[in-house]
PDB file of N, CA and C in Angstrom:
ATOM      1  N   MET A   1     -81.145-287.955 -50.400  1.00  0.00           N
ATOM      2  CA  MET A   1     -80.670-289.258 -50.054  1.00  0.00           C
ATOM      3  C   MET A   1     -80.012-289.163 -48.666  1.00  0.00           C
ATOM      4  N   VAL A   2     -80.343-290.059 -47.800  1.00  0.00           N
ATOM      5  CA  VAL A   2     -79.776-290.096 -46.456  1.00  0.00           C
ATOM      6  C   VAL A   2     -79.032-291.408 -46.285  1.00  0.00           C
ATOM      7  N   GLN A   3     -77.748-291.314 -45.873  1.00  0.00           N
ATOM      8  CA  GLN A   3     -76.942-292.513 -45.654  1.00  0.00           C
ATOM      9  C   GLN A   3     -76.379-292.466 -44.237  1.00  0.00           C
ATOM     10  N   LEU A   4     -76.606-293.528 -43.506  1.00  0.00           N
ATOM     11  CA  LEU A   4     -76.141-293.618 -42.126  1.00  0.00           C
ATOM     12  C   LEU A   4     -74.957-294.584 -42.064  1.00  0.00           C
ATOM     13  N   TYR A   5     -73.816-294.089 -41.554  1.00  0.00           N
ATOM     14  CA  TYR A   5     -72.604-294.884 -41.379  1.00  0.00           C
ATOM     15  C   TYR A   5     -72.304-294.996 -39.892  1.00  0.00           C
ATOM     16  N   ASP A   6     -71.332-295.800 -39.542  1.00  0.00           N
ATOM     17  CA  ASP A   6     -70.965-295.956 -38.129  1.00  0.00           C
ATOM     18  C   ASP A   6     -70.475-294.648 -37.516  1.00  0.00           C
ATOM     19  N   ASP A   7     -69.799-293.828 -38.310  1.00  0.00           N
ATOM     20  CA  ASP A   7     -69.182-292.617 -37.765  1.00  0.00           C
ATOM     21  C   ASP A   7     -69.795-291.313 -38.261  1.00  0.00           C
ATOM     22  N   ARG A   8     -70.838-291.366 -39.118  1.00  0.00           N
ATOM     23  CA  ARG A   8     -71.418-290.126 -39.644  1.00  0.00           C
ATOM     24  C   ARG A   8     -72.768-290.377 -40.313  1.00  0.00           C
ATOM     25  N   LEU A   9     -73.465-289.293 -40.531  1.00  0.00           N
ATOM     26  CA  LEU A   9     -74.717-289.284 -41.282  1.00  0.00           C
ATOM     27  C   LEU A   9     -74.496-288.359 -42.467  1.00  0.00           C
ATOM     28  N   GLU A  10     -74.737-288.836 -43.680  1.00  0.00           N
ATOM     29  CA  GLU A  10     -74.579-288.018 -44.875  1.00  0.00           C
ATOM     30  C   GLU A  10     -75.924-287.790 -45.524  1.00  0.00           C
ATOM     31  N   ILE A  11     -76.212-286.525 -45.813  1.00  0.00           N
ATOM     32  CA  ILE A  11     -77.431-286.145 -46.512  1.00  0.00           C
ATOM     33  C   ILE A  11     -76.989-285.503 -47.816  1.00  0.00           C
ATOM     34  N   SER A  12     -77.431-286.044 -48.931  1.00  0.00           N
ATOM     35  CA  SER A  12     -77.017-285.510 -50.228  1.00  0.00           C
ATOM     36  C   SER A  12     -78.203-285.442 -51.175  1.00  0.00           C
ATOM     37  N   ASN A  13     -78.003-284.711 -52.255  1.00  0.00           N
ATOM     38  CA  ASN A  13     -79.017-284.577 -53.278  1.00  0.00           C
ATOM     39  C   ASN A  13     -78.472-285.189 -54.559  1.00  0.00           C
ATOM     40  N   PRO A  14     -78.994-286.335 -54.976  1.00  0.00           N
ATOM     41  CA  PRO A  14     -78.460-286.988 -56.163  1.00  0.00           C
ATOM     42  C   PRO A  14     -78.815-286.267 -57.460  1.00  0.00           C
ATOM     43  N   GLY A  15     -79.698-285.274 -57.397  1.00  0.00           N
ATOM     44  CA  GLY A  15     -80.079-284.529 -58.592  1.00  0.00           C
ATOM     45  C   GLY A  15     -79.082-283.440 -58.919  1.00  0.00           C
ATOM     46  N   GLY A  16     -79.217-282.864 -60.072  1.00  0.00           N
ATOM     47  CA  GLY A  16     -78.336-281.782 -60.496  1.00  0.00           C
ATOM     48  C   GLY A  16     -78.818-280.443 -59.967  1.00  0.00           C
ATOM     49  N   LEU A  17     -78.119-279.397 -60.381  1.00  0.00           N
ATOM     50  CA  LEU A  17     -78.525-278.054 -60.009  1.00  0.00           C
ATOM     51  C   LEU A  17     -79.817-277.685 -60.726  1.00  0.00           C
ATOM     52  N   LEU A  18     -80.617-276.849 -60.096  1.00  0.00           N
ATOM     53  CA  LEU A  18     -81.803-276.336 -60.757  1.00  0.00           C
ATOM     54  C   LEU A  18     -81.345-275.444 -61.901  1.00  0.00           C
ATOM     55  N   PRO A  19     -82.070-275.408 -63.027  1.00  0.00           N
ATOM     56  CA  PRO A  19     -81.616-274.653 -64.204  1.00  0.00           C
ATOM     57  C   PRO A  19     -81.298-273.185 -63.921  1.00  0.00           C
ATOM     58  N   TYR A  20     -82.140-272.487 -63.152  1.00  0.00           N
ATOM     59  CA  TYR A  20     -81.883-271.071 -62.898  1.00  0.00           C
ATOM     60  C   TYR A  20     -80.687-270.864 -61.968  1.00  0.00           C
ATOM     61  N   VAL A  21     -80.356-271.852 -61.150  1.00  0.00           N
ATOM     62  CA  VAL A  21     -79.160-271.765 -60.299  1.00  0.00           C
ATOM     63  C   VAL A  21     -77.921-272.054 -61.146  1.00  0.00           C
ATOM     64  N   ALA A  22     -77.988-273.058 -62.008  1.00  0.00           N
ATOM     65  CA  ALA A  22     -76.854-273.423 -62.857  1.00  0.00           C
ATOM     66  C   ALA A  22     -76.465-272.277 -63.782  1.00  0.00           C
ATOM     67  N   ALA A  23     -77.468-271.522 -64.269  1.00  0.00           N
ATOM     68  CA  ALA A  23     -77.195-270.422 -65.198  1.00  0.00           C
ATOM     69  C   ALA A  23     -76.398-269.300 -64.538  1.00  0.00           C
ATOM     70  N   ASP A  24     -76.539-269.148 -63.225  1.00  0.00           N
ATOM     71  CA  ASP A  24     -75.845-268.063 -62.508  1.00  0.00           C
ATOM     72  C   ASP A  24     -75.148-268.654 -61.279  1.00  0.00           C
ATOM     73  N   PHE A  25     -74.412-269.754 -61.497  1.00  0.00           N
ATOM     74  CA  PHE A  25     -73.795-270.506 -60.410  1.00  0.00           C
ATOM     75  C   PHE A  25     -72.892-269.633 -59.543  1.00  0.00           C
ATOM     76  N   GLY A  26     -73.095-269.725 -58.246  1.00  0.00           N
ATOM     77  CA  GLY A  26     -72.300-268.960 -57.295  1.00  0.00           C
ATOM     78  C   GLY A  26     -72.856-267.586 -56.991  1.00  0.00           C
ATOM     79  N   HIS A  27     -73.903-267.189 -57.718  1.00  0.00           N
ATOM     80  CA  HIS A  27     -74.489-265.864 -57.506  1.00  0.00           C
ATOM     81  C   HIS A  27     -75.978-265.927 -57.207  1.00  0.00           C
ATOM     82  N   ARG A  28     -76.555-267.099 -57.371  1.00  0.00           N
ATOM     83  CA  ARG A  28     -77.994-267.245 -57.181  1.00  0.00           C
ATOM     84  C   ARG A  28     -78.244-268.543 -56.421  1.00  0.00           C
ATOM     85  N   SER A  29     -79.161-268.502 -55.479  1.00  0.00           N
ATOM     86  CA  SER A  29     -79.421-269.694 -54.688  1.00  0.00           C
ATOM     87  C   SER A  29     -80.897-269.771 -54.318  1.00  0.00           C
ATOM     88  N   ARG A  30     -81.350-270.993 -54.139  1.00  0.00           N
ATOM     89  CA  ARG A  30     -82.719-271.226 -53.690  1.00  0.00           C
ATOM     90  C   ARG A  30     -82.783-272.634 -53.121  1.00  0.00           C
ATOM     91  N   SER A  31     -83.459-272.768 -52.022  1.00  0.00           N
ATOM     92  CA  SER A  31     -83.587-274.068 -51.379  1.00  0.00           C
ATOM     93  C   SER A  31     -84.556-274.952 -52.159  1.00  0.00           C
ATOM     94  N   ARG A  32     -84.185-276.207 -52.339  1.00  0.00           N
ATOM     95  CA  ARG A  32     -85.112-277.160 -52.971  1.00  0.00           C
ATOM     96  C   ARG A  32     -86.237-277.536 -52.016  1.00  0.00           C
ATOM     97  N   ASN A  33     -85.920-277.562 -50.736  1.00  0.00           N
ATOM     98  CA  ASN A  33     -86.911-277.955 -49.746  1.00  0.00           C
ATOM     99  C   ASN A  33     -86.934-276.915 -48.627  1.00  0.00           C
ATOM    100  N   PRO A  34     -87.775-275.883 -48.766  1.00  0.00           N
ATOM    101  CA  PRO A  34     -87.817-274.804 -47.775  1.00  0.00           C
ATOM    102  C   PRO A  34     -88.133-275.287 -46.362  1.00  0.00           C
ATOM    103  N   LEU A  35     -88.923-276.339 -46.222  1.00  0.00           N
ATOM    104  CA  LEU A  35     -89.271-276.855 -44.898  1.00  0.00           C
ATOM    105  C   LEU A  35     -88.021-277.376 -44.177  1.00  0.00           C
ATOM    106  N   ILE A  36     -87.213-278.172 -44.870  1.00  0.00           N
ATOM    107  CA  ILE A  36     -85.978-278.691 -44.268  1.00  0.00           C
ATOM    108  C   ILE A  36     -85.005-277.555 -43.997  1.00  0.00           C
ATOM    109  N   PHE A  37     -84.905-276.598 -44.935  1.00  0.00           N
ATOM    110  CA  PHE A  37     -83.999-275.469 -44.733  1.00  0.00           C
ATOM    111  C   PHE A  37     -84.396-274.666 -43.489  1.00  0.00           C
ATOM    112  N   ARG A  38     -85.690-274.404 -43.308  1.00  0.00           N
ATOM    113  CA  ARG A  38     -86.143-273.671 -42.097  1.00  0.00           C
ATOM    114  C   ARG A  38     -85.802-274.445 -40.835  1.00  0.00           C
ATOM    115  N   MET A  39     -85.967-275.774 -40.861  1.00  0.00           N
ATOM    116  CA  MET A  39     -85.646-276.589 -39.694  1.00  0.00           C
ATOM    117  C   MET A  39     -84.150-276.488 -39.376  1.00  0.00           C
ATOM    118  N   PHE A  40     -83.295-276.624 -40.402  1.00  0.00           N
ATOM    119  CA  PHE A  40     -81.851-276.508 -40.180  1.00  0.00           C
ATOM    120  C   PHE A  40     -81.479-275.115 -39.698  1.00  0.00           C
ATOM    121  N   THR A  41     -82.154-274.094 -40.197  1.00  0.00           N
ATOM    122  CA  THR A  41     -81.884-272.727 -39.754  1.00  0.00           C
ATOM    123  C   THR A  41     -82.218-272.573 -38.269  1.00  0.00           C
ATOM    124  N   ARG A  42     -83.346-273.077 -37.865  1.00  0.00           N
ATOM    125  CA  ARG A  42     -83.753-272.982 -36.446  1.00  0.00           C
ATOM    126  C   ARG A  42     -82.814-273.753 -35.529  1.00  0.00           C
ATOM    127  N   LEU A  43     -82.219-274.817 -36.047  1.00  0.00           N
ATOM    128  CA  LEU A  43     -81.274-275.608 -35.259  1.00  0.00           C
ATOM    129  C   LEU A  43     -79.852-275.055 -35.352  1.00  0.00           C
ATOM    130  N   HIS A  44     -79.688-273.952 -36.084  1.00  0.00           N
ATOM    131  CA  HIS A  44     -78.386-273.307 -36.283  1.00  0.00           C
ATOM    132  C   HIS A  44     -77.385-274.255 -36.953  1.00  0.00           C
ATOM    133  N   LEU A  45     -77.879-275.055 -37.906  1.00  0.00           N
ATOM    134  CA  LEU A  45     -77.032-275.981 -38.638  1.00  0.00           C
ATOM    135  C   LEU A  45     -76.627-275.427 -40.006  1.00  0.00           C
ATOM    136  N   VAL A  46     -77.230-274.316 -40.405  1.00  0.00           N
ATOM    137  CA  VAL A  46     -76.868-273.642 -41.653  1.00  0.00           C
ATOM    138  C   VAL A  46     -76.679-272.166 -41.359  1.00  0.00           C
ATOM    139  N   GLU A  47     -75.951-271.510 -42.236  1.00  0.00           N
ATOM    140  CA  GLU A  47     -75.732-270.077 -42.056  1.00  0.00           C
ATOM    141  C   GLU A  47     -76.798-269.310 -42.819  1.00  0.00           C
ATOM    142  N   SER A  48     -76.545-268.991 -44.058  1.00  0.00           N
ATOM    143  CA  SER A  48     -77.561-268.328 -44.858  1.00  0.00           C
ATOM    144  C   SER A  48     -77.472-268.813 -46.297  1.00  0.00           C
ATOM    145  N   VAL A  49     -78.541-268.635 -47.018  1.00  0.00           N
ATOM    146  CA  VAL A  49     -78.623-269.113 -48.393  1.00  0.00           C
ATOM    147  C   VAL A  49     -77.663-268.340 -49.280  1.00  0.00           C
ATOM    148  N   GLY A  50     -76.939-269.058 -50.110  1.00  0.00           N
ATOM    149  CA  GLY A  50     -76.109-268.439 -51.127  1.00  0.00           C
ATOM    150  C   GLY A  50     -74.740-267.979 -50.674  1.00  0.00           C
ATOM    151  N   THR A  51     -74.259-268.415 -49.516  1.00  0.00           N
ATOM    152  CA  THR A  51     -72.957-267.943 -49.040  1.00  0.00           C
ATOM    153  C   THR A  51     -71.825-268.936 -49.282  1.00  0.00           C
ATOM    154  N   GLY A  52     -72.127-270.191 -49.523  1.00  0.00           N
ATOM    155  CA  GLY A  52     -71.099-271.224 -49.602  1.00  0.00           C
ATOM    156  C   GLY A  52     -70.137-271.094 -50.769  1.00  0.00           C
ATOM    157  N   ILE A  53     -70.641-270.990 -51.988  1.00  0.00           N
ATOM    158  CA  ILE A  53     -69.777-270.929 -53.170  1.00  0.00           C
ATOM    159  C   ILE A  53     -68.906-269.658 -53.143  1.00  0.00           C
ATOM    160  N   PRO A  54     -69.457-268.469 -52.857  1.00  0.00           N
ATOM    161  CA  PRO A  54     -68.595-267.285 -52.786  1.00  0.00           C
ATOM    162  C   PRO A  54     -67.499-267.411 -51.715  1.00  0.00           C
ATOM    163  N   ARG A  55     -67.804-268.023 -50.570  1.00  0.00           N
ATOM    164  CA  ARG A  55     -66.785-268.206 -49.529  1.00  0.00           C
ATOM    165  C   ARG A  55     -65.674-269.148 -49.989  1.00  0.00           C
ATOM    166  N   ILE A  56     -66.056-270.223 -50.669  1.00  0.00           N
ATOM    167  CA  ILE A  56     -65.066-271.168 -51.191  1.00  0.00           C
ATOM    168  C   ILE A  56     -64.196-270.485 -52.234  1.00  0.00           C
ATOM    169  N   ALA A  57     -64.797-269.702 -53.117  1.00  0.00           N
ATOM    170  CA  ALA A  57     -64.042-269.003 -54.166  1.00  0.00           C
ATOM    171  C   ALA A  57     -63.033-268.024 -53.562  1.00  0.00           C
ATOM    172  N   ARG A  58     -63.405-267.345 -52.477  1.00  0.00           N
ATOM    173  CA  ARG A  58     -62.486-266.406 -51.822  1.00  0.00           C
ATOM    174  C   ARG A  58     -61.295-267.146 -51.202  1.00  0.00           C
ATOM    175  N   ILE A  59     -61.539-268.316 -50.661  1.00  0.00           N
ATOM    176  CA  ILE A  59     -60.472-269.097 -50.027  1.00  0.00           C
ATOM    177  C   ILE A  59     -59.505-269.635 -51.076  1.00  0.00           C
ATOM    178  N   LEU A  60     -60.039-270.058 -52.201  1.00  0.00           N
ATOM    179  CA  LEU A  60     -59.192-270.636 -53.251  1.00  0.00           C
ATOM    180  C   LEU A  60     -58.532-269.525 -54.011  1.00  0.00           C
TER     181      LEU A  60
END
């Protein structure tokens, strides 16, 4: 889902976690759309797959 506001662009996924990701949440990751992920990677808009939840857990 893409939402355009006056001050930002929000891209979200209204669906839930994939079953194999939910079963091992925070330890397993996979892109739902590899084409978009590769594009974001080339634009340096993402770091690497599977790093977000562990980083958040370390901070909290």
